Structures are given as structure tokens and as C-alpha cells.
N, C-alpha and C. Protein backbone atom coordinates (compact mmCIF):
# COMPACT_ATOMS: atom_id res chain seq x y z
N UNK A 1 66.04 68.90 78.51
CA UNK A 1 67.44 68.86 78.08
C UNK A 1 68.34 69.21 79.26
N UNK A 2 69.50 68.58 79.32
CA UNK A 2 70.45 68.88 80.37
C UNK A 2 70.81 70.37 80.35
N UNK A 3 70.85 70.99 81.52
CA UNK A 3 71.12 72.42 81.60
C UNK A 3 72.53 72.75 82.07
N UNK A 4 73.14 71.86 82.85
CA UNK A 4 74.50 72.08 83.34
C UNK A 4 75.40 70.94 82.88
N UNK A 5 76.65 71.29 82.64
CA UNK A 5 77.63 70.29 82.22
C UNK A 5 78.87 70.47 83.07
N UNK A 6 79.29 69.41 83.73
CA UNK A 6 80.50 69.43 84.56
C UNK A 6 81.56 68.59 83.87
N UNK A 7 82.65 69.23 83.45
CA UNK A 7 83.75 68.56 82.75
C UNK A 7 84.88 68.30 83.75
N UNK A 8 85.28 67.04 83.86
CA UNK A 8 86.28 66.63 84.83
C UNK A 8 87.53 66.12 84.12
N UNK A 9 88.65 66.78 84.39
CA UNK A 9 89.88 66.46 83.68
C UNK A 9 90.62 65.26 84.28
N UNK A 10 91.59 64.78 83.54
CA UNK A 10 92.40 63.64 83.98
C UNK A 10 93.71 64.06 84.60
N UNK A 11 94.65 63.12 84.67
CA UNK A 11 95.91 63.32 85.37
C UNK A 11 96.77 64.47 84.87
N UNK A 12 96.88 64.69 83.55
CA UNK A 12 97.75 65.77 83.08
C UNK A 12 97.31 67.16 83.48
N UNK A 13 96.03 67.35 83.75
CA UNK A 13 95.53 68.67 84.09
C UNK A 13 94.32 69.05 83.26
N UNK A 14 93.94 70.31 83.35
CA UNK A 14 92.67 70.76 82.79
C UNK A 14 92.66 70.88 81.26
N UNK A 15 93.80 71.05 80.62
CA UNK A 15 93.83 71.35 79.19
C UNK A 15 93.03 70.39 78.32
N UNK A 16 93.07 69.08 78.56
CA UNK A 16 92.33 68.16 77.68
C UNK A 16 90.82 68.36 77.66
N UNK A 17 90.24 69.00 78.68
CA UNK A 17 88.78 69.21 78.65
C UNK A 17 88.40 70.58 78.10
N UNK A 18 89.38 71.39 77.71
CA UNK A 18 89.06 72.70 77.15
C UNK A 18 88.19 72.58 75.89
N UNK A 19 88.40 71.57 75.02
CA UNK A 19 87.49 71.43 73.87
C UNK A 19 86.03 71.27 74.27
N UNK A 20 85.77 70.66 75.40
CA UNK A 20 84.39 70.53 75.89
C UNK A 20 83.82 71.90 76.21
N UNK A 21 84.62 72.72 76.89
CA UNK A 21 84.18 74.07 77.23
C UNK A 21 83.90 74.87 75.96
N UNK A 22 84.84 74.80 75.01
CA UNK A 22 84.70 75.59 73.78
C UNK A 22 83.46 75.18 72.99
N UNK A 23 83.17 73.89 72.97
CA UNK A 23 82.05 73.40 72.16
C UNK A 23 80.70 73.69 72.81
N UNK A 24 80.60 73.58 74.12
CA UNK A 24 79.29 73.59 74.76
C UNK A 24 78.98 74.82 75.60
N UNK A 25 79.91 75.76 75.70
CA UNK A 25 79.69 76.92 76.57
C UNK A 25 78.49 77.76 76.15
N UNK A 26 78.17 77.77 74.86
CA UNK A 26 77.04 78.57 74.40
C UNK A 26 75.69 77.86 74.58
N UNK A 27 75.75 76.58 74.87
CA UNK A 27 74.52 75.78 74.95
C UNK A 27 74.18 75.37 76.36
N UNK A 28 75.21 75.12 77.17
CA UNK A 28 75.02 74.64 78.53
C UNK A 28 75.76 75.55 79.51
N UNK A 29 75.39 75.46 80.76
CA UNK A 29 76.13 76.12 81.83
C UNK A 29 77.28 75.19 82.20
N UNK A 30 78.46 75.48 81.66
CA UNK A 30 79.59 74.56 81.77
C UNK A 30 80.48 74.92 82.96
N UNK A 31 80.79 73.90 83.75
CA UNK A 31 81.78 74.01 84.83
C UNK A 31 82.96 73.13 84.45
N UNK A 32 84.16 73.67 84.56
CA UNK A 32 85.36 72.88 84.25
C UNK A 32 86.43 73.20 85.29
N UNK A 33 86.24 72.74 86.51
CA UNK A 33 87.17 73.10 87.59
C UNK A 33 88.51 72.39 87.46
N UNK A 34 89.50 72.95 88.11
CA UNK A 34 90.79 72.29 88.27
C UNK A 34 90.76 71.56 89.60
N UNK A 35 91.04 70.26 89.60
CA UNK A 35 90.98 69.48 90.83
C UNK A 35 91.99 70.02 91.85
N UNK A 36 91.63 69.93 93.11
CA UNK A 36 92.50 70.41 94.19
C UNK A 36 93.86 69.71 94.14
N UNK A 37 94.92 70.50 94.00
CA UNK A 37 96.27 69.98 93.95
C UNK A 37 96.89 70.02 92.57
N UNK A 38 96.07 70.23 91.54
CA UNK A 38 96.59 70.28 90.17
C UNK A 38 96.96 71.72 89.80
N UNK A 39 97.98 71.84 88.98
CA UNK A 39 98.38 73.13 88.40
C UNK A 39 98.55 74.21 89.45
N UNK A 40 99.12 73.83 90.58
CA UNK A 40 99.44 74.80 91.62
C UNK A 40 98.31 75.14 92.56
N UNK A 41 97.14 74.53 92.39
CA UNK A 41 96.04 74.81 93.31
C UNK A 41 96.27 74.12 94.65
N UNK A 42 95.58 74.58 95.66
CA UNK A 42 95.77 74.06 97.01
C UNK A 42 95.00 72.76 97.20
N UNK A 43 95.67 71.76 97.76
CA UNK A 43 95.00 70.51 98.14
C UNK A 43 94.93 70.46 99.66
N UNK A 44 93.72 70.41 100.23
CA UNK A 44 93.62 70.29 101.69
C UNK A 44 94.39 69.06 102.19
N UNK A 45 95.04 69.21 103.32
CA UNK A 45 95.85 68.12 103.86
C UNK A 45 95.06 66.84 104.08
N UNK A 46 93.78 66.98 104.37
CA UNK A 46 92.98 65.80 104.69
C UNK A 46 92.37 65.15 103.46
N UNK A 47 92.60 65.69 102.27
CA UNK A 47 92.15 65.04 101.04
C UNK A 47 93.07 63.86 100.75
N UNK A 48 92.55 62.66 100.92
CA UNK A 48 93.39 61.48 100.80
C UNK A 48 93.00 60.56 99.66
N UNK A 49 91.79 60.69 99.12
CA UNK A 49 91.34 59.77 98.10
C UNK A 49 90.45 60.43 97.07
N UNK A 50 90.11 59.65 96.05
CA UNK A 50 89.25 60.15 94.97
C UNK A 50 87.89 60.56 95.52
N UNK A 51 87.44 59.88 96.56
CA UNK A 51 86.13 60.20 97.12
C UNK A 51 86.08 61.62 97.67
N UNK A 52 87.21 62.16 98.12
CA UNK A 52 87.22 63.53 98.62
C UNK A 52 86.87 64.52 97.51
N UNK A 53 87.41 64.30 96.32
CA UNK A 53 87.08 65.16 95.19
C UNK A 53 85.62 64.97 94.78
N UNK A 54 85.16 63.73 94.77
CA UNK A 54 83.77 63.46 94.40
C UNK A 54 82.80 64.17 95.33
N UNK A 55 83.05 64.10 96.62
CA UNK A 55 82.17 64.74 97.59
C UNK A 55 82.24 66.25 97.47
N UNK A 56 83.43 66.78 97.21
CA UNK A 56 83.55 68.23 97.00
C UNK A 56 82.66 68.70 95.85
N UNK A 57 82.68 67.98 94.74
CA UNK A 57 81.90 68.39 93.58
C UNK A 57 80.40 68.17 93.80
N UNK A 58 80.04 67.12 94.48
CA UNK A 58 78.62 66.93 94.81
C UNK A 58 78.13 68.04 95.74
N UNK A 59 78.96 68.42 96.69
CA UNK A 59 78.60 69.53 97.57
C UNK A 59 78.41 70.82 96.77
N UNK A 60 79.26 71.02 95.78
CA UNK A 60 79.13 72.23 94.96
C UNK A 60 77.82 72.23 94.18
N UNK A 61 77.47 71.08 93.62
CA UNK A 61 76.20 70.99 92.89
C UNK A 61 75.02 71.29 93.82
N UNK A 62 75.10 70.79 95.05
CA UNK A 62 74.03 71.04 96.02
C UNK A 62 74.01 72.51 96.44
N UNK A 63 75.18 73.06 96.73
CA UNK A 63 75.25 74.45 97.19
C UNK A 63 74.73 75.41 96.13
N UNK A 64 74.98 75.08 94.86
CA UNK A 64 74.53 75.94 93.76
C UNK A 64 73.17 75.52 93.22
N UNK A 65 72.56 74.54 93.88
CA UNK A 65 71.24 74.03 93.52
C UNK A 65 71.17 73.66 92.04
N UNK A 66 72.17 72.93 91.58
CA UNK A 66 72.20 72.48 90.19
C UNK A 66 71.55 71.11 90.10
N UNK A 67 70.65 70.97 89.14
CA UNK A 67 70.03 69.69 88.85
C UNK A 67 70.16 69.44 87.35
N UNK A 68 69.85 68.22 86.94
CA UNK A 68 69.96 67.85 85.52
C UNK A 68 71.35 68.16 85.00
N UNK A 69 72.35 67.60 85.68
CA UNK A 69 73.76 67.86 85.36
C UNK A 69 74.34 66.68 84.59
N UNK A 70 74.98 66.98 83.48
CA UNK A 70 75.73 65.96 82.74
C UNK A 70 77.19 66.02 83.15
N UNK A 71 77.78 64.87 83.44
CA UNK A 71 79.21 64.79 83.72
C UNK A 71 79.91 64.30 82.47
N UNK A 72 80.92 65.02 82.03
CA UNK A 72 81.76 64.61 80.90
C UNK A 72 83.18 64.51 81.44
N UNK A 73 83.74 63.32 81.42
CA UNK A 73 84.99 63.09 82.12
C UNK A 73 85.93 62.19 81.32
N UNK A 74 87.22 62.51 81.41
CA UNK A 74 88.22 61.69 80.76
C UNK A 74 89.23 61.15 81.75
N UNK A 75 89.70 59.94 81.51
CA UNK A 75 90.77 59.31 82.29
C UNK A 75 90.47 59.36 83.79
N UNK A 76 91.36 59.98 84.59
CA UNK A 76 91.15 60.04 86.04
C UNK A 76 89.87 60.79 86.39
N UNK A 77 89.48 61.75 85.57
CA UNK A 77 88.22 62.45 85.83
C UNK A 77 87.04 61.51 85.86
N UNK A 78 87.12 60.43 85.08
CA UNK A 78 86.05 59.44 85.08
C UNK A 78 85.96 58.67 86.38
N UNK A 79 87.05 58.54 87.07
CA UNK A 79 87.03 57.91 88.39
C UNK A 79 86.24 58.79 89.35
N UNK A 80 86.51 60.09 89.30
CA UNK A 80 85.76 61.02 90.13
C UNK A 80 84.28 60.98 89.77
N UNK A 81 83.98 60.98 88.47
CA UNK A 81 82.59 60.98 88.01
C UNK A 81 81.84 59.75 88.52
N UNK A 82 82.48 58.59 88.47
CA UNK A 82 81.84 57.36 88.95
C UNK A 82 81.59 57.43 90.45
N UNK A 83 82.57 57.94 91.19
CA UNK A 83 82.39 58.08 92.64
C UNK A 83 81.27 59.07 92.95
N UNK A 84 81.12 60.09 92.14
CA UNK A 84 80.01 61.02 92.32
C UNK A 84 78.68 60.33 92.04
N UNK A 85 78.62 59.59 90.96
CA UNK A 85 77.37 58.96 90.56
C UNK A 85 76.86 57.96 91.59
N UNK A 86 77.75 57.22 92.21
CA UNK A 86 77.29 56.23 93.19
C UNK A 86 76.88 56.89 94.51
N UNK A 87 77.25 58.16 94.70
CA UNK A 87 76.89 58.89 95.92
C UNK A 87 75.80 59.93 95.69
N UNK A 88 75.27 60.01 94.50
CA UNK A 88 74.36 61.09 94.14
C UNK A 88 72.96 60.85 94.69
N UNK A 89 72.83 60.99 95.99
CA UNK A 89 71.54 60.75 96.64
C UNK A 89 70.51 61.81 96.26
N UNK A 90 70.99 63.00 95.88
CA UNK A 90 70.07 64.04 95.47
C UNK A 90 69.63 63.93 94.02
N UNK A 91 70.16 62.94 93.31
CA UNK A 91 69.82 62.70 91.91
C UNK A 91 69.97 63.96 91.07
N UNK A 92 71.09 64.61 91.25
CA UNK A 92 71.39 65.81 90.48
C UNK A 92 72.02 65.47 89.14
N UNK A 93 72.64 64.32 89.04
CA UNK A 93 73.33 63.90 87.81
C UNK A 93 72.33 63.19 86.91
N UNK A 94 72.24 63.65 85.66
CA UNK A 94 71.27 63.08 84.73
C UNK A 94 71.91 62.23 83.64
N UNK A 95 73.18 62.48 83.32
CA UNK A 95 73.87 61.73 82.28
C UNK A 95 75.36 61.66 82.58
N UNK A 96 75.98 60.61 82.07
CA UNK A 96 77.43 60.44 82.21
C UNK A 96 78.04 60.22 80.84
N UNK A 97 79.15 60.90 80.56
CA UNK A 97 79.98 60.60 79.40
C UNK A 97 81.36 60.28 79.92
N UNK A 98 81.81 59.06 79.72
CA UNK A 98 83.07 58.57 80.26
C UNK A 98 84.00 58.26 79.10
N UNK A 99 85.10 59.00 79.01
CA UNK A 99 86.00 58.93 77.86
C UNK A 99 87.34 58.34 78.28
N UNK A 100 87.59 57.10 77.86
CA UNK A 100 88.85 56.40 78.18
C UNK A 100 89.20 56.59 79.66
N UNK A 101 88.27 56.21 80.51
CA UNK A 101 88.42 56.48 81.94
C UNK A 101 89.17 55.36 82.65
N UNK A 102 89.69 55.70 83.83
CA UNK A 102 90.22 54.70 84.75
C UNK A 102 89.36 54.77 86.01
N UNK A 103 89.64 53.89 86.95
CA UNK A 103 88.89 53.90 88.21
C UNK A 103 88.70 52.51 88.78
N UNK A 104 88.05 51.62 88.05
CA UNK A 104 87.84 50.29 88.61
C UNK A 104 89.06 49.39 88.42
N UNK A 105 89.22 48.48 89.30
CA UNK A 105 90.19 47.39 89.09
C UNK A 105 89.43 46.24 88.45
N UNK A 106 89.89 45.84 87.25
CA UNK A 106 89.21 44.79 86.51
C UNK A 106 90.20 43.67 86.25
N UNK A 107 89.99 42.49 86.82
CA UNK A 107 90.92 41.38 86.63
C UNK A 107 91.18 41.09 85.16
N UNK A 108 92.46 40.92 84.83
CA UNK A 108 92.84 40.62 83.46
C UNK A 108 93.03 41.83 82.59
N UNK A 109 92.76 43.01 83.14
CA UNK A 109 92.87 44.25 82.36
C UNK A 109 93.62 45.30 83.18
N UNK A 110 94.94 45.17 83.28
CA UNK A 110 95.71 46.14 84.07
C UNK A 110 95.74 47.52 83.41
N UNK A 111 95.89 48.53 84.24
CA UNK A 111 95.99 49.91 83.78
C UNK A 111 97.46 50.32 83.82
N UNK A 112 97.94 50.91 82.73
CA UNK A 112 99.34 51.34 82.65
C UNK A 112 99.46 52.76 83.18
N UNK A 113 99.54 52.88 84.49
CA UNK A 113 99.66 54.20 85.10
C UNK A 113 101.02 54.81 84.79
N UNK A 114 101.10 56.14 84.67
CA UNK A 114 102.39 56.79 84.40
C UNK A 114 103.33 56.64 85.58
N UNK A 115 104.61 56.79 85.31
CA UNK A 115 105.65 56.69 86.33
C UNK A 115 106.35 58.04 86.43
N UNK A 116 106.39 58.60 87.62
CA UNK A 116 107.02 59.92 87.76
C UNK A 116 108.52 59.86 87.50
N UNK A 117 109.10 58.66 87.47
CA UNK A 117 110.52 58.53 87.17
C UNK A 117 110.78 58.37 85.68
N UNK A 118 109.72 58.35 84.89
CA UNK A 118 109.85 58.20 83.45
C UNK A 118 110.44 59.47 82.85
N UNK A 119 111.61 59.36 82.24
CA UNK A 119 112.30 60.53 81.69
C UNK A 119 111.51 61.18 80.56
N UNK A 120 110.57 60.44 79.97
CA UNK A 120 109.78 60.99 78.87
C UNK A 120 108.66 61.90 79.35
N UNK A 121 108.42 61.93 80.64
CA UNK A 121 107.35 62.74 81.19
C UNK A 121 107.79 64.20 81.26
N UNK A 122 107.05 65.12 80.63
CA UNK A 122 107.45 66.54 80.67
C UNK A 122 107.51 67.07 82.09
N UNK A 123 108.47 67.95 82.32
CA UNK A 123 108.67 68.49 83.67
C UNK A 123 107.41 69.17 84.19
N UNK A 124 106.66 69.85 83.30
CA UNK A 124 105.49 70.59 83.75
C UNK A 124 104.36 69.68 84.24
N UNK A 125 104.46 68.37 83.92
CA UNK A 125 103.42 67.44 84.34
C UNK A 125 103.79 66.65 85.59
N UNK A 126 105.04 66.75 86.02
CA UNK A 126 105.49 65.94 87.15
C UNK A 126 104.67 66.21 88.41
N UNK A 127 104.44 67.47 88.72
CA UNK A 127 103.69 67.81 89.94
C UNK A 127 102.26 67.30 89.84
N UNK A 128 101.65 67.41 88.65
CA UNK A 128 100.27 66.93 88.50
C UNK A 128 100.18 65.42 88.69
N UNK A 129 101.13 64.69 88.13
CA UNK A 129 101.08 63.24 88.30
C UNK A 129 101.42 62.83 89.73
N UNK A 130 102.27 63.60 90.41
CA UNK A 130 102.52 63.33 91.83
C UNK A 130 101.23 63.48 92.63
N UNK A 131 100.42 64.48 92.27
CA UNK A 131 99.12 64.66 92.92
C UNK A 131 98.19 63.50 92.60
N UNK A 132 98.20 63.08 91.33
CA UNK A 132 97.39 61.92 90.94
C UNK A 132 97.74 60.70 91.79
N UNK A 133 99.03 60.45 91.98
CA UNK A 133 99.45 59.29 92.76
C UNK A 133 99.04 59.42 94.22
N UNK A 134 98.98 60.65 94.72
CA UNK A 134 98.52 60.84 96.10
C UNK A 134 97.07 60.37 96.23
N UNK A 135 96.23 60.78 95.30
CA UNK A 135 94.82 60.42 95.38
C UNK A 135 94.56 58.93 95.13
N UNK A 136 95.42 58.29 94.36
CA UNK A 136 95.19 56.89 93.99
C UNK A 136 96.06 55.92 94.78
N UNK A 137 96.76 56.41 95.81
CA UNK A 137 97.72 55.57 96.53
C UNK A 137 97.09 54.34 97.14
N UNK A 138 95.85 54.45 97.59
CA UNK A 138 95.19 53.30 98.22
C UNK A 138 94.83 52.23 97.21
N UNK A 139 94.63 52.65 95.95
CA UNK A 139 94.23 51.71 94.90
C UNK A 139 94.96 52.05 93.61
N UNK A 140 96.29 51.81 93.56
CA UNK A 140 97.06 52.23 92.38
C UNK A 140 96.65 51.54 91.09
N UNK A 141 96.03 50.38 91.16
CA UNK A 141 95.54 49.70 89.96
C UNK A 141 94.02 49.77 89.85
N UNK A 142 93.44 50.70 90.58
CA UNK A 142 92.00 50.86 90.54
C UNK A 142 91.31 50.24 91.74
N UNK A 143 90.10 50.67 91.99
CA UNK A 143 89.33 50.21 93.15
C UNK A 143 88.51 48.98 92.77
N UNK A 144 88.75 47.83 93.41
CA UNK A 144 88.00 46.62 93.07
C UNK A 144 86.53 46.69 93.45
N UNK A 145 86.15 47.66 94.29
CA UNK A 145 84.75 47.80 94.70
C UNK A 145 83.91 48.57 93.68
N UNK A 146 84.58 49.40 92.88
CA UNK A 146 83.85 50.29 91.99
C UNK A 146 83.00 49.57 90.95
N UNK A 147 83.47 48.47 90.33
CA UNK A 147 82.61 47.78 89.35
C UNK A 147 81.28 47.31 89.94
N UNK A 148 81.29 46.97 91.22
CA UNK A 148 80.06 46.52 91.87
C UNK A 148 79.16 47.71 92.21
N UNK A 149 79.76 48.80 92.62
CA UNK A 149 78.97 49.96 93.05
C UNK A 149 78.26 50.63 91.88
N UNK A 150 78.90 50.66 90.71
CA UNK A 150 78.27 51.36 89.58
C UNK A 150 77.08 50.59 89.01
N UNK A 151 76.88 49.38 89.46
CA UNK A 151 75.72 48.62 88.99
C UNK A 151 74.40 49.28 89.42
N UNK A 152 74.47 50.21 90.35
CA UNK A 152 73.28 50.93 90.81
C UNK A 152 73.13 52.30 90.14
N UNK A 153 74.05 52.63 89.24
CA UNK A 153 73.99 53.92 88.55
C UNK A 153 73.05 53.79 87.36
N UNK A 154 71.85 54.34 87.49
CA UNK A 154 70.80 54.08 86.50
C UNK A 154 70.66 55.16 85.44
N UNK A 155 71.52 56.19 85.46
CA UNK A 155 71.40 57.25 84.46
C UNK A 155 72.02 56.80 83.14
N UNK A 156 71.55 57.32 82.00
CA UNK A 156 72.16 56.98 80.71
C UNK A 156 73.65 57.33 80.72
N UNK A 157 74.45 56.41 80.20
CA UNK A 157 75.90 56.55 80.25
C UNK A 157 76.50 56.24 78.88
N UNK A 158 77.32 57.13 78.39
CA UNK A 158 78.02 56.93 77.12
C UNK A 158 79.50 56.73 77.39
N UNK A 159 80.02 55.60 76.94
CA UNK A 159 81.46 55.34 76.97
C UNK A 159 82.02 55.62 75.58
N UNK A 160 83.06 56.44 75.52
CA UNK A 160 83.80 56.68 74.29
C UNK A 160 85.23 56.20 74.53
N UNK A 161 85.72 55.35 73.63
CA UNK A 161 87.02 54.72 73.89
C UNK A 161 87.89 54.69 72.64
N UNK A 162 89.15 55.06 72.81
CA UNK A 162 90.11 54.97 71.72
C UNK A 162 90.56 53.53 71.52
N UNK A 163 90.47 53.06 70.29
CA UNK A 163 90.83 51.67 70.01
C UNK A 163 92.30 51.39 70.26
N UNK A 164 93.14 52.44 70.24
CA UNK A 164 94.58 52.27 70.43
C UNK A 164 95.03 52.74 71.81
N UNK A 165 94.13 52.80 72.75
CA UNK A 165 94.48 53.25 74.11
C UNK A 165 95.50 52.29 74.71
N UNK A 166 96.67 52.84 75.07
CA UNK A 166 97.73 52.05 75.68
C UNK A 166 97.75 52.16 77.21
N UNK A 167 96.87 52.98 77.77
CA UNK A 167 96.76 53.11 79.22
C UNK A 167 95.73 52.14 79.77
N UNK A 168 94.55 52.19 79.20
CA UNK A 168 93.46 51.28 79.57
C UNK A 168 92.81 50.83 78.27
N UNK A 169 93.09 49.62 77.87
CA UNK A 169 92.67 49.14 76.56
C UNK A 169 91.16 48.98 76.41
N UNK A 170 90.70 48.79 75.18
CA UNK A 170 89.26 48.64 74.93
C UNK A 170 88.62 47.50 75.71
N UNK A 171 89.37 46.43 75.98
CA UNK A 171 88.81 45.35 76.78
C UNK A 171 88.44 45.80 78.18
N UNK A 172 89.27 46.65 78.74
CA UNK A 172 88.99 47.25 80.05
C UNK A 172 87.72 48.09 79.97
N UNK A 173 87.62 48.91 78.91
CA UNK A 173 86.45 49.76 78.76
C UNK A 173 85.17 48.97 78.58
N UNK A 174 85.21 47.94 77.74
CA UNK A 174 84.02 47.11 77.53
C UNK A 174 83.58 46.45 78.83
N UNK A 175 84.55 45.92 79.58
CA UNK A 175 84.22 45.24 80.83
C UNK A 175 83.61 46.20 81.85
N UNK A 176 84.13 47.41 81.88
CA UNK A 176 83.60 48.42 82.80
C UNK A 176 82.20 48.85 82.38
N UNK A 177 82.03 49.13 81.10
CA UNK A 177 80.72 49.57 80.60
C UNK A 177 79.64 48.54 80.87
N UNK A 178 80.00 47.27 80.84
CA UNK A 178 79.02 46.21 81.06
C UNK A 178 78.43 46.24 82.46
N UNK A 179 79.08 46.95 83.36
CA UNK A 179 78.58 47.04 84.75
C UNK A 179 77.49 48.10 84.91
N UNK A 180 77.38 49.00 83.95
CA UNK A 180 76.40 50.08 84.03
C UNK A 180 75.08 49.63 83.41
N UNK A 181 73.97 49.83 84.10
CA UNK A 181 72.68 49.35 83.59
C UNK A 181 72.25 49.98 82.27
N UNK A 182 72.66 51.24 82.01
CA UNK A 182 72.19 51.94 80.81
C UNK A 182 73.37 52.52 80.05
N UNK A 183 74.28 51.67 79.64
CA UNK A 183 75.51 52.13 79.00
C UNK A 183 75.53 51.82 77.51
N UNK A 184 76.10 52.77 76.77
CA UNK A 184 76.39 52.62 75.35
C UNK A 184 77.90 52.75 75.19
N UNK A 185 78.50 51.92 74.34
CA UNK A 185 79.95 51.94 74.17
C UNK A 185 80.28 52.22 72.71
N UNK A 186 81.11 53.25 72.49
CA UNK A 186 81.53 53.62 71.13
C UNK A 186 83.04 53.56 71.06
N UNK A 187 83.56 52.81 70.09
CA UNK A 187 84.99 52.65 69.90
C UNK A 187 85.45 53.54 68.75
N UNK A 188 86.54 54.29 68.96
CA UNK A 188 87.08 55.18 67.95
C UNK A 188 88.35 54.59 67.35
N UNK A 189 88.31 54.09 66.13
CA UNK A 189 89.50 53.51 65.49
C UNK A 189 90.62 54.54 65.34
N UNK A 190 91.85 54.09 65.55
CA UNK A 190 93.00 54.95 65.34
C UNK A 190 93.22 56.00 66.40
N UNK A 191 92.50 55.93 67.50
CA UNK A 191 92.60 56.93 68.57
C UNK A 191 93.13 56.28 69.83
N UNK A 192 93.95 57.02 70.59
CA UNK A 192 94.54 56.50 71.81
C UNK A 192 93.78 56.90 73.05
N UNK A 193 94.51 57.26 74.10
CA UNK A 193 93.92 57.50 75.42
C UNK A 193 93.26 58.87 75.56
N UNK A 194 93.47 59.77 74.59
CA UNK A 194 92.96 61.14 74.74
C UNK A 194 92.12 61.56 73.54
N UNK A 195 90.95 60.99 73.36
CA UNK A 195 90.11 61.35 72.20
C UNK A 195 89.78 62.83 72.09
N UNK A 196 89.65 63.53 73.21
CA UNK A 196 89.32 64.94 73.15
C UNK A 196 90.43 65.77 72.52
N UNK A 197 91.66 65.25 72.55
CA UNK A 197 92.78 65.92 71.91
C UNK A 197 93.13 65.31 70.57
N UNK A 198 92.98 63.99 70.45
CA UNK A 198 93.37 63.29 69.24
C UNK A 198 92.30 63.32 68.15
N UNK A 199 91.05 63.30 68.54
CA UNK A 199 89.93 63.31 67.58
C UNK A 199 88.80 64.16 68.16
N UNK A 200 89.05 65.45 68.37
CA UNK A 200 88.05 66.28 69.07
C UNK A 200 86.71 66.38 68.37
N UNK A 201 86.69 66.53 67.06
CA UNK A 201 85.41 66.70 66.37
C UNK A 201 84.56 65.45 66.47
N UNK A 202 85.16 64.29 66.21
CA UNK A 202 84.41 63.03 66.32
C UNK A 202 83.89 62.83 67.73
N UNK A 203 84.75 63.09 68.70
CA UNK A 203 84.39 62.86 70.09
C UNK A 203 83.28 63.81 70.54
N UNK A 204 83.44 65.08 70.23
CA UNK A 204 82.45 66.07 70.67
C UNK A 204 81.12 65.91 69.95
N UNK A 205 81.14 65.45 68.71
CA UNK A 205 79.88 65.17 68.01
C UNK A 205 79.12 64.05 68.71
N UNK A 206 79.85 63.02 69.16
CA UNK A 206 79.21 61.94 69.90
C UNK A 206 78.60 62.45 71.20
N UNK A 207 79.36 63.30 71.90
CA UNK A 207 78.86 63.86 73.16
C UNK A 207 77.61 64.71 72.89
N UNK A 208 77.65 65.54 71.86
CA UNK A 208 76.52 66.42 71.56
C UNK A 208 75.26 65.61 71.23
N UNK A 209 75.40 64.57 70.42
CA UNK A 209 74.26 63.74 70.09
C UNK A 209 73.67 63.06 71.31
N UNK A 210 74.55 62.60 72.19
CA UNK A 210 74.12 61.93 73.41
C UNK A 210 73.37 62.89 74.34
N UNK A 211 73.86 64.11 74.47
CA UNK A 211 73.22 65.07 75.35
C UNK A 211 71.89 65.55 74.82
N UNK A 212 71.74 65.54 73.50
CA UNK A 212 70.47 65.97 72.90
C UNK A 212 69.38 64.90 72.95
N UNK A 213 69.80 63.66 73.10
CA UNK A 213 68.83 62.53 73.03
C UNK A 213 67.83 62.59 74.18
């Protein structure tokens, strides 16, 4: 059984992955870091892309000698998770759970990224989304190389997707999941881009079943 769980948050910050911590902290060794630059944390000047975060977390897994690690990631966190999986030469990652994630550029399926000039965006999230845009500046609509690279990710992968996602629709999710050799795709009716907040019990039950399998 998986012994460590690494929860990776999306653009708004760490709060959406707190349900993962609450549900699994008694069963797994859970890590839920705040990405460098979010919520007032320091971002090294030389961190320019998503790969910098991916390498940081892989280095942490190696430094702490963690193996059999499950990654549970939502939205932008899923981009980091995918970049980690394609670089996991030490085979420390054993499972992936990708929840309404972004990352790849998929023709015909644009991603509705937030706009920092949108007046509807809460003030407390402006700095976090500015950091998100810094990391994604090279590929604001996703990385066109990522769909090809994940074809070598052979670990079991669970996609959980909100049927009403207005950021990255189910068609995007299905197309991305099809690139993974061992992927399962579950659609949640009536749920949008944040299943961990909108339907936490349904979502976490799916994650728990997948991790136990």
C-alpha cells in the first residue's frame, strides 16, 4: 500500500487540498507544501517554469528517501505532478490522482485561465495568480510537449473531473487521460473545476478506493 501522499495545490493556493490532508493524515504520511511564491512564501529568482517546482519536489522525495508516493493534485498542481512523473527516474511515484488538472496544450480544447484584471477575482488571490502566471508564462495555454511525454508514465493514474468545469472542460480531461497508459477517468455530474471543495466526500471516496486498490 502507498505509504506517502503528496498533495499539490492549484492556482488559488493551498486551501483546496486541505480536505486531502484531513481525510488521509491518519492513514498516510501526508505532505501538502505551499508552492514557492504562493501565500507570501519566497520564490527563488531563478524559478522560471513549472519544471522548477517539479524538480524541487522530486529532490525532496529523494532527500527524504520517500518511495511508494502517491501524488494527489488539482488544477495547476496537476501540471507539476505530470512534470514530476515524466522525470521520476528514481521511480518514487507509485500512483497519480489528477483532479480537473491543467498542463498540456490540447488542440480544440482551450483552457480558460484567470485574468488578474478580472474585477471578480478576490484581492487575496491576486498575488497567487500573479505567481501562477509567472510559472506559466512560457506556455500560457499549456505545454504542447506534455501530452507526448506522459505517454511514458506507466503508473496507475486516476482522473477525476467535474462535468461542469468551465476552466478545462471534460473533453480536455478525456483527451489528456487518453495519453496515459494506465488511466481511469471518472466524471462527476454537477461539479465544476474544484471537486475537492464542491463535492469533497464523493471525490475523497474515489481517491481512497484508488489508493487501496
